[in-house]
Amino acid sequence: MRRKDKEITDRGEVEAIIHQSDVCRLAMADEAGPYVVPLNFGFSDDSLYFHSAHKGRKIDILKKNPRVCFEFDLGAKIISGEKACDWGTYFKSVIGFGKARFVKDIEAKKKALNVIMNHYAGKSFEYTGTDVDKVAIIRVDIEQMSGKRAEA
């Protein structure tokens, strides 16, 4: 990280940003180039979980290239100034890298869905086999992540 004064080194603070975020942006790449999608997510045990349809560009890319980058951000606020170079933004963010895999086991898929639902609803749910079969579950095992902040 170029600006060490903005780096968040405390793992708890990095995880707090993730827990407070509503959206995770997942970046992938294939022969056509980069592709980024905003997703609902869950975070647990150094892994991110996403649910998806079984088909689509995201699924096609991840089957070919499971390497991903992810991003979270909070509280973006534009700061104005008298001169153009005085302008800026207050924010907190997390960027990381990992490897995606598809969760196939029914019980593991239910657990992943509850990680996602706990993030948004604060509770777990029951799922039928039909419910679980309808969705693909993507697990990203986090290999590296860092936080950054610019605050008043």
N, C-alpha and C. Protein backbone atom coordinates (compact mmCIF):
# COMPACT_ATOMS: atom_id res chain seq x y z
N MET A 1 0.86 -1.17 0.00
CA MET A 1 0.00 0.00 0.00
C MET A 1 0.90 1.23 0.00
N ARG A 2 0.64 2.11 -0.93
CA ARG A 2 1.46 3.31 -1.09
C ARG A 2 1.34 4.25 0.09
N ARG A 3 0.11 4.52 0.56
CA ARG A 3 -0.13 5.46 1.66
C ARG A 3 -0.26 4.71 2.97
N LYS A 4 0.85 4.43 3.61
CA LYS A 4 0.86 3.69 4.87
C LYS A 4 0.06 4.40 5.96
N ASP A 5 -0.06 5.75 5.88
CA ASP A 5 -0.82 6.49 6.88
C ASP A 5 -2.32 6.23 6.78
N LYS A 6 -2.77 5.66 5.68
CA LYS A 6 -4.19 5.34 5.50
C LYS A 6 -4.48 3.86 5.69
N GLU A 7 -3.45 3.06 5.85
CA GLU A 7 -3.61 1.61 5.97
C GLU A 7 -4.26 1.23 7.30
N ILE A 8 -5.19 0.28 7.23
CA ILE A 8 -5.79 -0.30 8.43
C ILE A 8 -5.08 -1.63 8.67
N THR A 9 -4.36 -1.71 9.78
CA THR A 9 -3.59 -2.92 10.07
C THR A 9 -4.30 -3.84 11.05
N ASP A 10 -5.27 -3.31 11.78
CA ASP A 10 -6.00 -4.11 12.77
C ASP A 10 -7.01 -5.02 12.07
N ARG A 11 -6.84 -6.34 12.20
CA ARG A 11 -7.72 -7.30 11.52
C ARG A 11 -9.18 -7.12 11.95
N GLY A 12 -9.41 -6.80 13.22
CA GLY A 12 -10.77 -6.58 13.71
C GLY A 12 -11.44 -5.42 13.01
N GLU A 13 -10.70 -4.36 12.75
CA GLU A 13 -11.26 -3.20 12.05
C GLU A 13 -11.56 -3.53 10.59
N VAL A 14 -10.68 -4.30 9.97
CA VAL A 14 -10.92 -4.75 8.58
C VAL A 14 -12.20 -5.58 8.53
N GLU A 15 -12.33 -6.52 9.45
CA GLU A 15 -13.52 -7.37 9.47
C GLU A 15 -14.77 -6.57 9.81
N ALA A 16 -14.66 -5.53 10.63
CA ALA A 16 -15.81 -4.68 10.95
C ALA A 16 -16.33 -3.99 9.69
N ILE A 17 -15.44 -3.58 8.82
CA ILE A 17 -15.87 -2.95 7.55
C ILE A 17 -16.66 -3.96 6.74
N ILE A 18 -16.18 -5.19 6.67
CA ILE A 18 -16.89 -6.23 5.92
C ILE A 18 -18.27 -6.45 6.54
N HIS A 19 -18.32 -6.59 7.86
CA HIS A 19 -19.59 -6.86 8.54
C HIS A 19 -20.59 -5.72 8.39
N GLN A 20 -20.12 -4.49 8.24
CA GLN A 20 -21.00 -3.34 8.09
C GLN A 20 -21.41 -3.10 6.64
N SER A 21 -20.77 -3.76 5.70
CA SER A 21 -21.06 -3.54 4.28
C SER A 21 -22.31 -4.29 3.85
N ASP A 22 -23.00 -3.72 2.88
CA ASP A 22 -24.19 -4.34 2.30
C ASP A 22 -23.89 -5.03 0.98
N VAL A 23 -22.80 -4.65 0.33
CA VAL A 23 -22.49 -5.16 -1.00
C VAL A 23 -21.01 -5.49 -1.07
N CYS A 24 -20.69 -6.58 -1.73
CA CYS A 24 -19.32 -6.94 -2.06
C CYS A 24 -19.19 -6.89 -3.58
N ARG A 25 -18.18 -6.21 -4.05
CA ARG A 25 -17.91 -6.20 -5.49
C ARG A 25 -16.86 -7.27 -5.76
N LEU A 26 -17.23 -8.19 -6.64
CA LEU A 26 -16.37 -9.32 -6.97
C LEU A 26 -15.84 -9.13 -8.38
N ALA A 27 -14.51 -9.12 -8.51
CA ALA A 27 -13.86 -8.93 -9.80
C ALA A 27 -13.27 -10.24 -10.28
N MET A 28 -13.48 -10.51 -11.56
CA MET A 28 -12.99 -11.72 -12.20
C MET A 28 -12.40 -11.32 -13.54
N ALA A 29 -11.76 -12.26 -14.22
CA ALA A 29 -11.23 -11.97 -15.55
C ALA A 29 -11.24 -13.24 -16.39
N ASP A 30 -11.51 -13.03 -17.67
CA ASP A 30 -11.39 -14.11 -18.65
C ASP A 30 -10.72 -13.54 -19.89
N GLU A 31 -10.72 -14.29 -20.96
CA GLU A 31 -10.04 -13.84 -22.18
C GLU A 31 -10.63 -12.56 -22.76
N ALA A 32 -11.89 -12.26 -22.42
CA ALA A 32 -12.52 -11.02 -22.89
C ALA A 32 -12.14 -9.82 -22.03
N GLY A 33 -11.59 -10.07 -20.85
CA GLY A 33 -11.16 -8.98 -19.99
C GLY A 33 -11.78 -9.05 -18.61
N PRO A 34 -11.63 -7.97 -17.84
CA PRO A 34 -12.15 -7.96 -16.48
C PRO A 34 -13.68 -7.85 -16.44
N TYR A 35 -14.24 -8.33 -15.33
CA TYR A 35 -15.69 -8.31 -15.12
C TYR A 35 -15.94 -8.16 -13.63
N VAL A 36 -16.72 -7.18 -13.24
CA VAL A 36 -17.01 -6.91 -11.83
C VAL A 36 -18.51 -6.94 -11.61
N VAL A 37 -18.93 -7.60 -10.52
CA VAL A 37 -20.35 -7.64 -10.18
C VAL A 37 -20.54 -7.29 -8.70
N PRO A 38 -21.58 -6.51 -8.39
CA PRO A 38 -21.94 -6.27 -6.98
C PRO A 38 -22.81 -7.41 -6.50
N LEU A 39 -22.50 -7.95 -5.32
CA LEU A 39 -23.21 -9.13 -4.82
C LEU A 39 -23.58 -9.00 -3.35
N ASN A 40 -24.69 -9.65 -2.97
CA ASN A 40 -24.97 -9.90 -1.57
C ASN A 40 -24.00 -10.98 -1.13
N PHE A 41 -23.67 -11.01 0.15
CA PHE A 41 -22.61 -11.91 0.59
C PHE A 41 -22.78 -12.28 2.06
N GLY A 42 -21.99 -13.23 2.47
CA GLY A 42 -21.79 -13.56 3.87
C GLY A 42 -20.30 -13.75 4.09
N PHE A 43 -19.84 -13.53 5.32
CA PHE A 43 -18.43 -13.66 5.65
C PHE A 43 -18.29 -14.48 6.92
N SER A 44 -17.46 -15.53 6.85
CA SER A 44 -17.22 -16.38 8.01
C SER A 44 -15.94 -17.17 7.81
N ASP A 45 -15.14 -17.28 8.86
CA ASP A 45 -13.96 -18.14 8.85
C ASP A 45 -13.05 -17.91 7.64
N ASP A 46 -12.72 -16.65 7.38
CA ASP A 46 -11.83 -16.27 6.28
C ASP A 46 -12.35 -16.68 4.90
N SER A 47 -13.67 -16.76 4.78
CA SER A 47 -14.28 -17.06 3.49
C SER A 47 -15.46 -16.13 3.25
N LEU A 48 -15.67 -15.82 1.99
CA LEU A 48 -16.86 -15.08 1.56
C LEU A 48 -17.78 -16.06 0.86
N TYR A 49 -19.08 -15.87 1.04
CA TYR A 49 -20.08 -16.74 0.40
C TYR A 49 -21.03 -15.90 -0.42
N PHE A 50 -21.35 -16.38 -1.60
CA PHE A 50 -22.28 -15.72 -2.51
C PHE A 50 -23.26 -16.74 -3.04
N HIS A 51 -24.49 -16.31 -3.30
CA HIS A 51 -25.44 -17.19 -3.98
C HIS A 51 -25.64 -16.64 -5.38
N SER A 52 -26.00 -17.52 -6.29
CA SER A 52 -26.08 -17.13 -7.69
C SER A 52 -27.01 -18.07 -8.43
N ALA A 53 -27.40 -17.61 -9.61
CA ALA A 53 -28.05 -18.53 -10.54
C ALA A 53 -26.99 -19.55 -10.98
N HIS A 54 -27.43 -20.65 -11.55
CA HIS A 54 -26.49 -21.67 -12.00
C HIS A 54 -25.81 -21.31 -13.31
N LYS A 55 -26.36 -20.34 -14.02
CA LYS A 55 -25.80 -19.97 -15.33
C LYS A 55 -25.60 -18.47 -15.40
N GLY A 56 -24.66 -18.09 -16.25
CA GLY A 56 -24.39 -16.67 -16.45
C GLY A 56 -22.91 -16.44 -16.62
N ARG A 57 -22.57 -15.21 -16.98
CA ARG A 57 -21.18 -14.88 -17.26
C ARG A 57 -20.29 -15.12 -16.04
N LYS A 58 -20.74 -14.71 -14.84
CA LYS A 58 -19.96 -14.89 -13.62
C LYS A 58 -19.60 -16.37 -13.44
N ILE A 59 -20.58 -17.24 -13.57
CA ILE A 59 -20.36 -18.68 -13.39
C ILE A 59 -19.38 -19.19 -14.45
N ASP A 60 -19.58 -18.78 -15.70
CA ASP A 60 -18.69 -19.22 -16.78
C ASP A 60 -17.25 -18.80 -16.52
N ILE A 61 -17.06 -17.55 -16.07
CA ILE A 61 -15.69 -17.07 -15.81
C ILE A 61 -15.07 -17.85 -14.66
N LEU A 62 -15.81 -18.01 -13.55
CA LEU A 62 -15.24 -18.68 -12.38
C LEU A 62 -14.89 -20.14 -12.65
N LYS A 63 -15.61 -20.78 -13.56
CA LYS A 63 -15.28 -22.16 -13.92
C LYS A 63 -13.94 -22.24 -14.64
N LYS A 64 -13.62 -21.18 -15.40
CA LYS A 64 -12.36 -21.14 -16.15
C LYS A 64 -11.20 -20.56 -15.33
N ASN A 65 -11.52 -19.57 -14.50
CA ASN A 65 -10.49 -18.86 -13.75
C ASN A 65 -11.03 -18.52 -12.36
N PRO A 66 -10.70 -19.29 -11.36
CA PRO A 66 -11.25 -19.06 -10.02
C PRO A 66 -10.57 -17.93 -9.23
N ARG A 67 -9.53 -17.31 -9.78
CA ARG A 67 -8.83 -16.22 -9.10
C ARG A 67 -9.71 -14.97 -9.12
N VAL A 68 -9.93 -14.37 -7.94
CA VAL A 68 -10.81 -13.21 -7.84
C VAL A 68 -10.18 -12.12 -6.97
N CYS A 69 -10.72 -10.94 -7.12
CA CYS A 69 -10.44 -9.80 -6.26
C CYS A 69 -11.79 -9.34 -5.74
N PHE A 70 -11.83 -8.86 -4.49
CA PHE A 70 -13.09 -8.38 -3.94
C PHE A 70 -12.88 -7.03 -3.27
N GLU A 71 -13.99 -6.28 -3.13
CA GLU A 71 -13.90 -4.93 -2.56
C GLU A 71 -15.15 -4.62 -1.77
N PHE A 72 -14.96 -3.95 -0.63
CA PHE A 72 -16.02 -3.42 0.21
C PHE A 72 -15.70 -1.96 0.49
N ASP A 73 -16.71 -1.12 0.62
CA ASP A 73 -16.44 0.25 1.05
C ASP A 73 -17.60 0.79 1.87
N LEU A 74 -17.26 1.73 2.74
CA LEU A 74 -18.23 2.35 3.64
C LEU A 74 -18.06 3.86 3.68
N GLY A 75 -19.16 4.55 3.89
CA GLY A 75 -19.16 5.96 4.28
C GLY A 75 -18.49 6.94 3.35
N ALA A 76 -18.55 6.71 2.06
CA ALA A 76 -17.92 7.66 1.14
C ALA A 76 -18.57 9.04 1.28
N LYS A 77 -17.73 10.02 1.52
CA LYS A 77 -18.20 11.41 1.64
C LYS A 77 -17.22 12.30 0.90
N ILE A 78 -17.72 13.05 -0.06
CA ILE A 78 -16.88 13.96 -0.84
C ILE A 78 -16.55 15.19 -0.01
N ILE A 79 -15.29 15.58 -0.01
CA ILE A 79 -14.82 16.75 0.70
C ILE A 79 -14.43 17.80 -0.34
N SER A 80 -15.05 18.96 -0.26
CA SER A 80 -14.76 20.02 -1.23
C SER A 80 -13.67 20.94 -0.71
N GLY A 81 -13.11 21.73 -1.59
CA GLY A 81 -12.07 22.68 -1.24
C GLY A 81 -12.06 23.86 -2.18
N GLU A 82 -11.26 24.84 -1.85
CA GLU A 82 -11.15 26.04 -2.70
C GLU A 82 -10.45 25.72 -4.01
N LYS A 83 -9.42 24.86 -3.94
CA LYS A 83 -8.67 24.47 -5.14
C LYS A 83 -9.01 23.01 -5.46
N ALA A 84 -8.83 22.64 -6.70
CA ALA A 84 -9.13 21.27 -7.13
C ALA A 84 -8.35 20.25 -6.30
N CYS A 85 -7.10 20.55 -5.99
CA CYS A 85 -6.26 19.60 -5.24
C CYS A 85 -6.63 19.51 -3.76
N ASP A 86 -7.53 20.36 -3.29
CA ASP A 86 -8.01 20.29 -1.92
C ASP A 86 -9.20 19.35 -1.77
N TRP A 87 -9.77 18.91 -2.87
CA TRP A 87 -10.90 17.99 -2.82
C TRP A 87 -10.42 16.59 -2.45
N GLY A 88 -11.31 15.81 -1.90
CA GLY A 88 -10.96 14.45 -1.54
C GLY A 88 -12.20 13.67 -1.15
N THR A 89 -11.98 12.52 -0.55
CA THR A 89 -13.07 11.66 -0.13
C THR A 89 -12.72 11.01 1.20
N TYR A 90 -13.66 11.02 2.14
CA TYR A 90 -13.53 10.24 3.35
C TYR A 90 -14.16 8.88 3.07
N PHE A 91 -13.54 7.80 3.53
CA PHE A 91 -14.04 6.45 3.27
C PHE A 91 -13.33 5.45 4.14
N LYS A 92 -13.86 4.24 4.16
CA LYS A 92 -13.18 3.05 4.66
C LYS A 92 -13.38 1.98 3.60
N SER A 93 -12.35 1.19 3.34
CA SER A 93 -12.49 0.15 2.33
C SER A 93 -11.62 -1.06 2.66
N VAL A 94 -12.00 -2.17 2.04
CA VAL A 94 -11.23 -3.42 2.13
C VAL A 94 -11.11 -3.96 0.72
N ILE A 95 -9.91 -4.35 0.36
CA ILE A 95 -9.66 -5.01 -0.92
C ILE A 95 -8.90 -6.29 -0.62
N GLY A 96 -9.26 -7.34 -1.32
CA GLY A 96 -8.58 -8.61 -1.09
C GLY A 96 -8.59 -9.51 -2.31
N PHE A 97 -7.91 -10.62 -2.14
CA PHE A 97 -7.77 -11.60 -3.22
C PHE A 97 -8.06 -12.99 -2.68
N GLY A 98 -8.54 -13.85 -3.54
CA GLY A 98 -8.82 -15.21 -3.12
C GLY A 98 -9.10 -16.11 -4.30
N LYS A 99 -9.54 -17.30 -3.96
CA LYS A 99 -9.84 -18.31 -4.97
C LYS A 99 -11.26 -18.81 -4.74
N ALA A 100 -12.05 -18.80 -5.78
CA ALA A 100 -13.45 -19.21 -5.72
C ALA A 100 -13.59 -20.70 -6.00
N ARG A 101 -14.56 -21.28 -5.32
CA ARG A 101 -14.92 -22.66 -5.63
C ARG A 101 -16.43 -22.79 -5.45
N PHE A 102 -17.00 -23.77 -6.11
CA PHE A 102 -18.44 -24.00 -6.02
C PHE A 102 -18.72 -25.01 -4.92
N VAL A 103 -19.63 -24.66 -4.04
CA VAL A 103 -20.03 -25.55 -2.96
C VAL A 103 -21.11 -26.47 -3.50
N LYS A 104 -20.91 -27.76 -3.40
CA LYS A 104 -21.84 -28.74 -3.96
C LYS A 104 -22.64 -29.49 -2.90
N ASP A 105 -22.02 -29.79 -1.77
CA ASP A 105 -22.66 -30.56 -0.71
C ASP A 105 -23.89 -29.82 -0.18
N ILE A 106 -25.02 -30.50 -0.07
CA ILE A 106 -26.29 -29.88 0.34
C ILE A 106 -26.17 -29.23 1.72
N GLU A 107 -25.60 -29.92 2.68
CA GLU A 107 -25.48 -29.35 4.03
C GLU A 107 -24.54 -28.15 4.05
N ALA A 108 -23.47 -28.22 3.28
CA ALA A 108 -22.55 -27.09 3.20
C ALA A 108 -23.21 -25.89 2.51
N LYS A 109 -24.08 -26.16 1.53
CA LYS A 109 -24.82 -25.08 0.87
C LYS A 109 -25.79 -24.42 1.84
N LYS A 110 -26.46 -25.23 2.65
CA LYS A 110 -27.38 -24.67 3.65
C LYS A 110 -26.63 -23.80 4.65
N LYS A 111 -25.48 -24.27 5.08
CA LYS A 111 -24.65 -23.50 6.01
C LYS A 111 -24.24 -22.17 5.37
N ALA A 112 -23.82 -22.22 4.11
CA ALA A 112 -23.41 -21.00 3.39
C ALA A 112 -24.58 -20.02 3.25
N LEU A 113 -25.76 -20.54 2.93
CA LEU A 113 -26.93 -19.67 2.82
C LEU A 113 -27.23 -19.01 4.15
N ASN A 114 -27.03 -19.72 5.24
CA ASN A 114 -27.25 -19.12 6.56
C ASN A 114 -26.17 -18.10 6.92
N VAL A 115 -24.97 -18.28 6.43
CA VAL A 115 -23.94 -17.25 6.63
C VAL A 115 -24.39 -15.97 5.93
N ILE A 116 -24.90 -16.11 4.73
CA ILE A 116 -25.40 -14.94 3.99
C ILE A 116 -26.60 -14.33 4.71
N MET A 117 -27.57 -15.15 5.08
CA MET A 117 -28.78 -14.63 5.72
C MET A 117 -28.49 -14.03 7.10
N ASN A 118 -27.55 -14.60 7.82
CA ASN A 118 -27.16 -14.01 9.11
C ASN A 118 -26.59 -12.61 8.92
N HIS A 119 -25.90 -12.40 7.83
CA HIS A 119 -25.34 -11.07 7.57
C HIS A 119 -26.44 -10.02 7.42
N TYR A 120 -27.52 -10.38 6.75
CA TYR A 120 -28.58 -9.41 6.46
C TYR A 120 -29.74 -9.46 7.46
N ALA A 121 -30.11 -10.66 7.91
CA ALA A 121 -31.29 -10.81 8.77
C ALA A 121 -30.94 -11.04 10.23
N GLY A 122 -29.68 -11.40 10.49
CA GLY A 122 -29.28 -11.66 11.85
C GLY A 122 -29.80 -12.97 12.41
N LYS A 123 -30.23 -13.86 11.52
CA LYS A 123 -30.73 -15.15 11.97
C LYS A 123 -30.59 -16.19 10.86
N SER A 124 -30.76 -17.44 11.25
CA SER A 124 -30.69 -18.56 10.32
C SER A 124 -32.09 -18.96 9.89
N PHE A 125 -32.15 -19.72 8.81
CA PHE A 125 -33.42 -20.18 8.24
C PHE A 125 -33.32 -21.67 7.94
N GLU A 126 -34.46 -22.27 7.66
CA GLU A 126 -34.52 -23.65 7.19
C GLU A 126 -34.67 -23.63 5.68
N TYR A 127 -34.06 -24.60 5.00
CA TYR A 127 -34.11 -24.68 3.54
C TYR A 127 -34.50 -26.09 3.13
N THR A 128 -35.34 -26.17 2.12
CA THR A 128 -35.67 -27.48 1.56
C THR A 128 -34.61 -27.84 0.53
N GLY A 129 -34.57 -29.10 0.16
CA GLY A 129 -33.66 -29.54 -0.89
C GLY A 129 -33.91 -28.78 -2.18
N THR A 130 -35.19 -28.50 -2.47
CA THR A 130 -35.55 -27.75 -3.67
C THR A 130 -34.99 -26.33 -3.62
N ASP A 131 -35.10 -25.68 -2.44
CA ASP A 131 -34.54 -24.33 -2.27
C ASP A 131 -33.05 -24.32 -2.60
N VAL A 132 -32.35 -25.28 -2.04
CA VAL A 132 -30.90 -25.35 -2.18
C VAL A 132 -30.50 -25.69 -3.61
N ASP A 133 -31.25 -26.57 -4.26
CA ASP A 133 -30.94 -26.94 -5.64
C ASP A 133 -31.07 -25.78 -6.61
N LYS A 134 -31.90 -24.80 -6.27
CA LYS A 134 -32.16 -23.66 -7.17
C LYS A 134 -30.97 -22.71 -7.29
N VAL A 135 -30.06 -22.74 -6.31
CA VAL A 135 -28.98 -21.77 -6.31
C VAL A 135 -27.61 -22.42 -6.39
N ALA A 136 -26.70 -21.69 -6.98
CA ALA A 136 -25.29 -22.05 -6.92
C ALA A 136 -24.71 -21.28 -5.74
N ILE A 137 -23.80 -21.90 -5.02
CA ILE A 137 -23.11 -21.24 -3.92
C ILE A 137 -21.63 -21.16 -4.28
N ILE A 138 -21.13 -19.95 -4.19
CA ILE A 138 -19.71 -19.70 -4.47
C ILE A 138 -19.04 -19.35 -3.14
N ARG A 139 -17.96 -20.04 -2.85
CA ARG A 139 -17.15 -19.75 -1.66
C ARG A 139 -15.81 -19.20 -2.14
N VAL A 140 -15.44 -18.04 -1.62
CA VAL A 140 -14.12 -17.48 -1.91
C VAL A 140 -13.28 -17.60 -0.65
N ASP A 141 -12.23 -18.40 -0.73
CA ASP A 141 -11.29 -18.52 0.36
C ASP A 141 -10.31 -17.35 0.25
N ILE A 142 -10.32 -16.52 1.28
CA ILE A 142 -9.52 -15.30 1.26
C ILE A 142 -8.05 -15.65 1.47
N GLU A 143 -7.22 -15.17 0.57
CA GLU A 143 -5.78 -15.39 0.66
C GLU A 143 -5.06 -14.16 1.20
N GLN A 144 -5.61 -13.00 0.90
CA GLN A 144 -4.98 -11.75 1.32
C GLN A 144 -6.02 -10.65 1.29
N MET A 145 -5.98 -9.74 2.27
CA MET A 145 -6.84 -8.56 2.23
C MET A 145 -6.22 -7.45 3.06
N SER A 146 -6.57 -6.22 2.70
CA SER A 146 -6.06 -5.07 3.43
C SER A 146 -7.14 -4.00 3.50
N GLY A 147 -7.03 -3.17 4.51
CA GLY A 147 -7.98 -2.09 4.71
C GLY A 147 -7.33 -0.74 4.52
N LYS A 148 -8.16 0.24 4.20
CA LYS A 148 -7.67 1.60 3.99
C LYS A 148 -8.74 2.56 4.46
N ARG A 149 -8.31 3.71 5.01
CA ARG A 149 -9.28 4.71 5.45
C ARG A 149 -8.73 6.10 5.22
N ALA A 150 -9.66 7.00 4.96
CA ALA A 150 -9.39 8.43 4.95
C ALA A 150 -10.52 9.05 5.74
N GLU A 151 -10.20 9.63 6.89
CA GLU A 151 -11.22 10.17 7.77
C GLU A 151 -10.86 11.60 8.19
N ALA A 152 -11.86 12.29 8.66
CA ALA A 152 -11.65 13.67 9.12
C ALA A 152 -10.82 13.68 10.39
